Amino acid sequence: MLMAHPAVLTNLIEQYETLRLLHAENGSDEVRQRMDDVSYTLCVVTGTGDIDTALIAARYQLPGARPGDDSVISP
């Protein structure tokens, strides 16, 4: 399975959380569409079917998210 680059995941998570904090679901059509687009993209890049699962999966894929993750250990 292809995995998104950690920088892409971090950016998408930050965008989603910002939109959610600003209550984008109650905003203009353009803002709601942006939230839908970010949610959809998170689902696609994590291979999930809903935003809650996508956020969990995205965070899990970030370096340092798991104990013993070798991506944060210097050789």
N, C-alpha and C. Protein backbone atom coordinates (compact mmCIF):
# COMPACT_ATOMS: atom_id res chain seq x y z
N MET A 1 0.84 -1.17 0.00
CA MET A 1 0.00 0.00 0.00
C MET A 1 0.89 1.24 0.00
N LEU A 2 0.56 2.20 -0.84
CA LEU A 2 1.27 3.47 -0.86
C LEU A 2 0.91 4.27 0.39
N MET A 3 1.89 4.99 0.90
CA MET A 3 1.65 5.80 2.09
C MET A 3 2.01 7.24 1.78
N ALA A 4 1.20 8.16 2.27
CA ALA A 4 1.46 9.58 2.07
C ALA A 4 2.67 10.01 2.88
N HIS A 5 3.37 11.00 2.38
CA HIS A 5 4.52 11.56 3.08
C HIS A 5 4.03 12.18 4.39
N PRO A 6 4.81 12.05 5.46
CA PRO A 6 4.40 12.63 6.75
C PRO A 6 4.07 14.12 6.68
N ALA A 7 4.77 14.88 5.86
CA ALA A 7 4.48 16.31 5.73
C ALA A 7 3.09 16.54 5.15
N VAL A 8 2.69 15.69 4.22
CA VAL A 8 1.35 15.79 3.62
C VAL A 8 0.30 15.47 4.67
N LEU A 9 0.52 14.40 5.42
CA LEU A 9 -0.43 14.02 6.47
C LEU A 9 -0.56 15.11 7.53
N THR A 10 0.57 15.65 7.95
CA THR A 10 0.55 16.71 8.95
C THR A 10 -0.23 17.91 8.45
N ASN A 11 0.01 18.29 7.20
CA ASN A 11 -0.69 19.43 6.63
C ASN A 11 -2.19 19.19 6.56
N LEU A 12 -2.59 18.02 6.13
CA LEU A 12 -4.02 17.70 6.03
C LEU A 12 -4.68 17.69 7.40
N ILE A 13 -4.01 17.11 8.40
CA ILE A 13 -4.55 17.08 9.75
C ILE A 13 -4.73 18.51 10.28
N GLU A 14 -3.71 19.34 10.07
CA GLU A 14 -3.78 20.73 10.53
C GLU A 14 -4.91 21.49 9.84
N GLN A 15 -5.05 21.28 8.53
CA GLN A 15 -6.14 21.95 7.80
C GLN A 15 -7.49 21.51 8.34
N TYR A 16 -7.67 20.20 8.52
CA TYR A 16 -8.94 19.70 9.01
C TYR A 16 -9.26 20.26 10.40
N GLU A 17 -8.27 20.21 11.30
CA GLU A 17 -8.51 20.68 12.66
C GLU A 17 -8.81 22.18 12.69
N THR A 18 -8.14 22.95 11.86
CA THR A 18 -8.41 24.39 11.79
C THR A 18 -9.82 24.64 11.29
N LEU A 19 -10.20 23.96 10.23
CA LEU A 19 -11.56 24.12 9.70
C LEU A 19 -12.60 23.70 10.72
N ARG A 20 -12.34 22.62 11.43
CA ARG A 20 -13.29 22.15 12.44
C ARG A 20 -13.41 23.16 13.58
N LEU A 21 -12.29 23.69 14.04
CA LEU A 21 -12.30 24.69 15.11
C LEU A 21 -13.05 25.95 14.71
N LEU A 22 -12.99 26.27 13.43
CA LEU A 22 -13.70 27.45 12.93
C LEU A 22 -15.15 27.14 12.55
N HIS A 23 -15.58 25.91 12.85
CA HIS A 23 -16.95 25.46 12.55
C HIS A 23 -17.28 25.64 11.07
N ALA A 24 -16.36 25.15 10.23
CA ALA A 24 -16.51 25.29 8.78
C ALA A 24 -17.79 24.65 8.27
N GLU A 25 -18.29 23.63 8.97
CA GLU A 25 -19.52 22.97 8.51
C GLU A 25 -20.70 23.93 8.51
N ASN A 26 -20.59 25.04 9.24
CA ASN A 26 -21.65 26.04 9.29
C ASN A 26 -21.32 27.27 8.44
N GLY A 27 -20.23 27.23 7.70
CA GLY A 27 -19.78 28.38 6.92
C GLY A 27 -20.38 28.44 5.54
N SER A 28 -19.74 29.22 4.69
CA SER A 28 -20.20 29.39 3.32
C SER A 28 -20.03 28.09 2.54
N ASP A 29 -20.62 28.05 1.38
CA ASP A 29 -20.51 26.87 0.51
C ASP A 29 -19.04 26.56 0.21
N GLU A 30 -18.25 27.60 -0.03
CA GLU A 30 -16.84 27.41 -0.36
C GLU A 30 -16.08 26.81 0.82
N VAL A 31 -16.35 27.28 2.02
CA VAL A 31 -15.65 26.78 3.21
C VAL A 31 -16.08 25.34 3.50
N ARG A 32 -17.36 25.05 3.38
CA ARG A 32 -17.84 23.67 3.59
C ARG A 32 -17.23 22.73 2.56
N GLN A 33 -17.11 23.21 1.33
CA GLN A 33 -16.50 22.39 0.27
C GLN A 33 -15.05 22.11 0.59
N ARG A 34 -14.33 23.09 1.11
CA ARG A 34 -12.92 22.89 1.48
C ARG A 34 -12.80 21.84 2.57
N MET A 35 -13.70 21.88 3.55
CA MET A 35 -13.67 20.89 4.62
C MET A 35 -13.98 19.50 4.06
N ASP A 36 -14.95 19.42 3.18
CA ASP A 36 -15.28 18.15 2.53
C ASP A 36 -14.08 17.62 1.73
N ASP A 37 -13.40 18.52 1.03
CA ASP A 37 -12.23 18.12 0.22
C ASP A 37 -11.10 17.59 1.10
N VAL A 38 -10.82 18.28 2.19
CA VAL A 38 -9.76 17.85 3.10
C VAL A 38 -10.14 16.51 3.74
N SER A 39 -11.40 16.37 4.14
CA SER A 39 -11.86 15.11 4.74
C SER A 39 -11.73 13.96 3.74
N TYR A 40 -12.17 14.19 2.52
CA TYR A 40 -12.08 13.17 1.48
C TYR A 40 -10.64 12.77 1.23
N THR A 41 -9.76 13.78 1.12
CA THR A 41 -8.34 13.51 0.86
C THR A 41 -7.72 12.70 1.98
N LEU A 42 -8.04 13.04 3.23
CA LEU A 42 -7.54 12.26 4.36
C LEU A 42 -8.00 10.81 4.28
N CYS A 43 -9.26 10.61 3.91
CA CYS A 43 -9.78 9.25 3.78
C CYS A 43 -9.05 8.49 2.67
N VAL A 44 -8.81 9.15 1.55
CA VAL A 44 -8.14 8.49 0.42
C VAL A 44 -6.70 8.12 0.78
N VAL A 45 -5.95 9.07 1.34
CA VAL A 45 -4.53 8.80 1.60
C VAL A 45 -4.32 7.82 2.75
N THR A 46 -5.34 7.60 3.57
CA THR A 46 -5.22 6.64 4.67
C THR A 46 -5.95 5.33 4.37
N GLY A 47 -6.67 5.28 3.27
CA GLY A 47 -7.40 4.06 2.91
C GLY A 47 -8.55 3.77 3.84
N THR A 48 -9.20 4.83 4.35
CA THR A 48 -10.31 4.66 5.28
C THR A 48 -11.60 5.21 4.68
N GLY A 49 -12.69 4.99 5.38
CA GLY A 49 -13.98 5.39 4.84
C GLY A 49 -14.69 6.50 5.59
N ASP A 50 -14.12 6.96 6.72
CA ASP A 50 -14.74 8.07 7.43
C ASP A 50 -13.65 8.92 8.07
N ILE A 51 -13.96 10.16 8.36
CA ILE A 51 -12.96 11.12 8.80
C ILE A 51 -12.37 10.76 10.16
N ASP A 52 -13.16 10.24 11.07
CA ASP A 52 -12.62 9.89 12.39
C ASP A 52 -11.55 8.80 12.27
N THR A 53 -11.82 7.79 11.49
CA THR A 53 -10.85 6.72 11.27
C THR A 53 -9.65 7.25 10.50
N ALA A 54 -9.89 8.13 9.55
CA ALA A 54 -8.79 8.71 8.76
C ALA A 54 -7.83 9.51 9.64
N LEU A 55 -8.38 10.27 10.57
CA LEU A 55 -7.52 11.05 11.47
C LEU A 55 -6.67 10.14 12.35
N ILE A 56 -7.26 9.08 12.86
CA ILE A 56 -6.52 8.12 13.68
C ILE A 56 -5.42 7.48 12.85
N ALA A 57 -5.78 7.03 11.65
CA ALA A 57 -4.80 6.36 10.78
C ALA A 57 -3.68 7.32 10.38
N ALA A 58 -4.02 8.56 10.06
CA ALA A 58 -3.02 9.54 9.66
C ALA A 58 -2.04 9.81 10.80
N ARG A 59 -2.57 9.99 11.99
CA ARG A 59 -1.69 10.24 13.15
C ARG A 59 -0.81 9.03 13.43
N TYR A 60 -1.35 7.85 13.24
CA TYR A 60 -0.59 6.63 13.48
C TYR A 60 0.57 6.48 12.51
N GLN A 61 0.40 7.02 11.30
CA GLN A 61 1.44 6.91 10.27
C GLN A 61 2.56 7.93 10.43
N LEU A 62 2.37 8.91 11.31
CA LEU A 62 3.41 9.93 11.49
C LEU A 62 4.59 9.38 12.27
N PRO A 63 5.79 9.84 11.95
CA PRO A 63 6.98 9.38 12.68
C PRO A 63 6.83 9.67 14.17
N GLY A 64 7.25 8.71 14.98
CA GLY A 64 7.19 8.88 16.42
C GLY A 64 5.84 8.55 17.02
N ALA A 65 4.90 8.12 16.19
CA ALA A 65 3.55 7.84 16.69
C ALA A 65 3.49 6.53 17.45
N ARG A 66 4.44 5.65 17.18
CA ARG A 66 4.41 4.33 17.83
C ARG A 66 5.69 4.14 18.63
N PRO A 67 5.59 3.50 19.77
CA PRO A 67 6.81 3.19 20.52
C PRO A 67 7.73 2.31 19.66
N GLY A 68 8.99 2.64 19.66
CA GLY A 68 9.93 1.84 18.89
C GLY A 68 9.92 2.13 17.41
N ASP A 69 9.28 3.20 17.00
CA ASP A 69 9.23 3.57 15.59
C ASP A 69 10.64 3.88 15.12
N ASP A 70 11.17 3.10 14.20
CA ASP A 70 12.55 3.28 13.76
C ASP A 70 12.77 4.50 12.89
N SER A 71 11.71 5.21 12.52
CA SER A 71 11.89 6.40 11.70
C SER A 71 12.40 7.58 12.52
N VAL A 72 12.39 7.46 13.84
CA VAL A 72 12.88 8.56 14.68
C VAL A 72 14.18 8.19 15.38
N ILE A 73 14.71 7.02 15.11
CA ILE A 73 15.95 6.57 15.73
C ILE A 73 17.11 6.83 14.78
N SER A 74 18.11 7.52 15.27
CA SER A 74 19.30 7.80 14.44
C SER A 74 20.12 6.55 14.28
N PRO A 75 20.67 6.34 13.08
CA PRO A 75 21.50 5.14 12.87
C PRO A 75 22.83 5.26 13.59
